[in-house]
Amino acid sequence: MSADVHATLRGVHLDDTVRTSSTLGHAPHAVWCADYGRCVNEDRRVGQATTADADRATRRDGTATPPIGVASAFRIDRDRIAVSPFFARLGGVTQVVSGTDAGVLHNRLTHSLKVAQVARAVADRINASAEYGALAEKLGGCDPEVAEAAALGHDLGHPPFGHLGEQVLDHIARERFGLADGFEGNAQSFRILTTTDVRGPSGVGLDLTAAVRAAVLKYPWARSRYPQPHPSTMDVPPRGAAESSEAPGSGSSKFSAYVTELDDVDQARAPFADAIERWQQTIEASVMDTADDIAYAIHDLQDFHRIGVLQHASVSPELGVWLTASRELAHLDDVTLAAHSRRPGYSLEQMRRRLHAKDAPMVDDDAFRAAVTTVRTELVDGLLAQVFDGSVESEQALADFSARWTSRLVDGVGVTDSPSTRSGHVTLRPQQWHEVQVLKFVHRRFVLLRPDLALHQRGQASLITNLVSELDSWLSDTRESSRIPRRLHDLVELAHTEYSGLAKDRPELLLPPDGTEPPDVASLAKGRAIVDFVASLTDKQGATLLDALAGRVSAPWSDSFVL
């Protein structure tokens, strides 16, 4: 077998090549297009794809992957992501708290699988509607394979210990290494897919189609300076584009690409240039984003009910008091609310006001009240009213809640051609949108703000900080240059090539937001390589590697990490 053929086949399951239209679950009067893997109407001849279809299926080198059997280019992308070691790693990465061997809690892998499931359901719903399907096609297309692939890949960049690890690495990247764009999980996911993952002899990245790469771009801009004008300068910036209160002066709080991947962003989004604005998500990215919201709102609540953290006695007063005293609470000033935020109803009123401040065009107080009522009835007085005891009855109640709410939220998805700048083209109906906000509030207020979780996370933050310090020291020791981990060495070389090119051709992209001179190329490369390396570890690998570097491991070899 030639290297090219081997590279093409890598990551494609054999049973994927023998699918027939009868197994695809598409509507009647449709056929499967083997050339592009799209469900098309019978009045459009098979193999006669549009120019837009071909552009969407274009890979980095400008070619479109020849179909294998009836596996579409987008299905090949999905499978490349699914067999990636970076995807397998997510099984050992925190969703909210570090998992256990019992497998009770979601991790980033199980979360990604559920997001992919929901994303495909949302895409199928859009295509099943004549109105939504036509609008989606006008806006660039909505292929379920693309949405599913993007969902599988959207969390690849999450470092050990989830969002906590993301915050710590961002601070380290900016303050210790002078990397102006720091660290961001979404940007790291895009970097993995396009740069640091590999597939055989084909070079860097997974060589995905433009449509899938574009669909991973939840926040299609860099931290600053790209695109111009930058979305953060808009009167009402898109969600995530505004500056973070935790890192003032650093640029957008959320972004999907580092300066090293901007050419890939341009190429991936080129097929959509005439359909959407530069700061807007593609339809498939919007599907993935909505699916992520749905999965997050439901499945994390399941976890913490299962282990007894989320309890009726604590949640019920918060929602109940707000429902009975919302008018009185609405008259309290912000200072009073903040000072007494532990009182029942006060935190929920604060959240309602934050929604008005951030998402005014989308907020409706009647819909908010109805959402609180629904969540109280379904979640608090329904699911949480019975303590989870591991019985069949408890499992059935949990499964029923998850299935009912997933269906409810998926059925609430629609497509609009004129969304708010704070929303994508794919949106939830107002009632379901408010319900998701209330579900997220319950998770944040009664899980994320717990002191015991804060204690756990402070230890994890210290671990990551010390691990970076030890790796930095190792790389800086000239006597050890021949013994540093090969993977880390390769990442330094890759980053050095990238930053050398930028320093020569686009030096303005390396400038910190305050305009001061950036560190030299070697320092930038070392910093980015260490961040890439640490972000590629599981929770356990990070902890065990630090133990080894700190002299707390007696044996020189371990199956917990491979250097």
Foldseek 3Di string as FASTA:
>chain_A
DDLVVLLLCPLPDPVLQPDAPVPPPADPQWHAQQAARATDHVVQPRPNDDPLSQLQQAWPVRHHDGGRRSQHLLNSLLRLLVPFVLLVLQVQADPQAGDDPVPLADTRNVLLQQLLVLLLLLLSVQCVDPVSQVLLVLQRHRGSSLLSSLSSQLQSLAFHHGPLLQVLQQCCLCPVQVFLQRGARLQSSLCQQAAPTDRGPPHGHSRGGLSNSLLSWLFLATQAPPPPVQQCPDPQRAPQQHDDPVDPQSGTNDGRHAPLCVVSSCSSCVSSPVNDPSRAGRPSNQSSVLSSLLSVLQRNVLSCLQVVLQALVQPLQQLVVCLVCVVVLVPDDPVVLVVPVSHRPSVVNVLLVVCCVRPVVLDDVVLLSVLSVVCCVPPNVQLRVDRNDPDPVNVVSSVVSSVVSSVVFSVQWGADSDDDSHHHRIDGPSNSVSNSSVSVSSCCVRPVPDPVSVVVSVVVSVLSVLLLVLLVVQCVPPVCVVPDDPQLVVQLVSQLVSVVVCVVPPVVSRARSVRDHGDDSSSSSNSVSSSSVSSSHRNQLSNVVSCVSVVNDDDPDDPRDDD
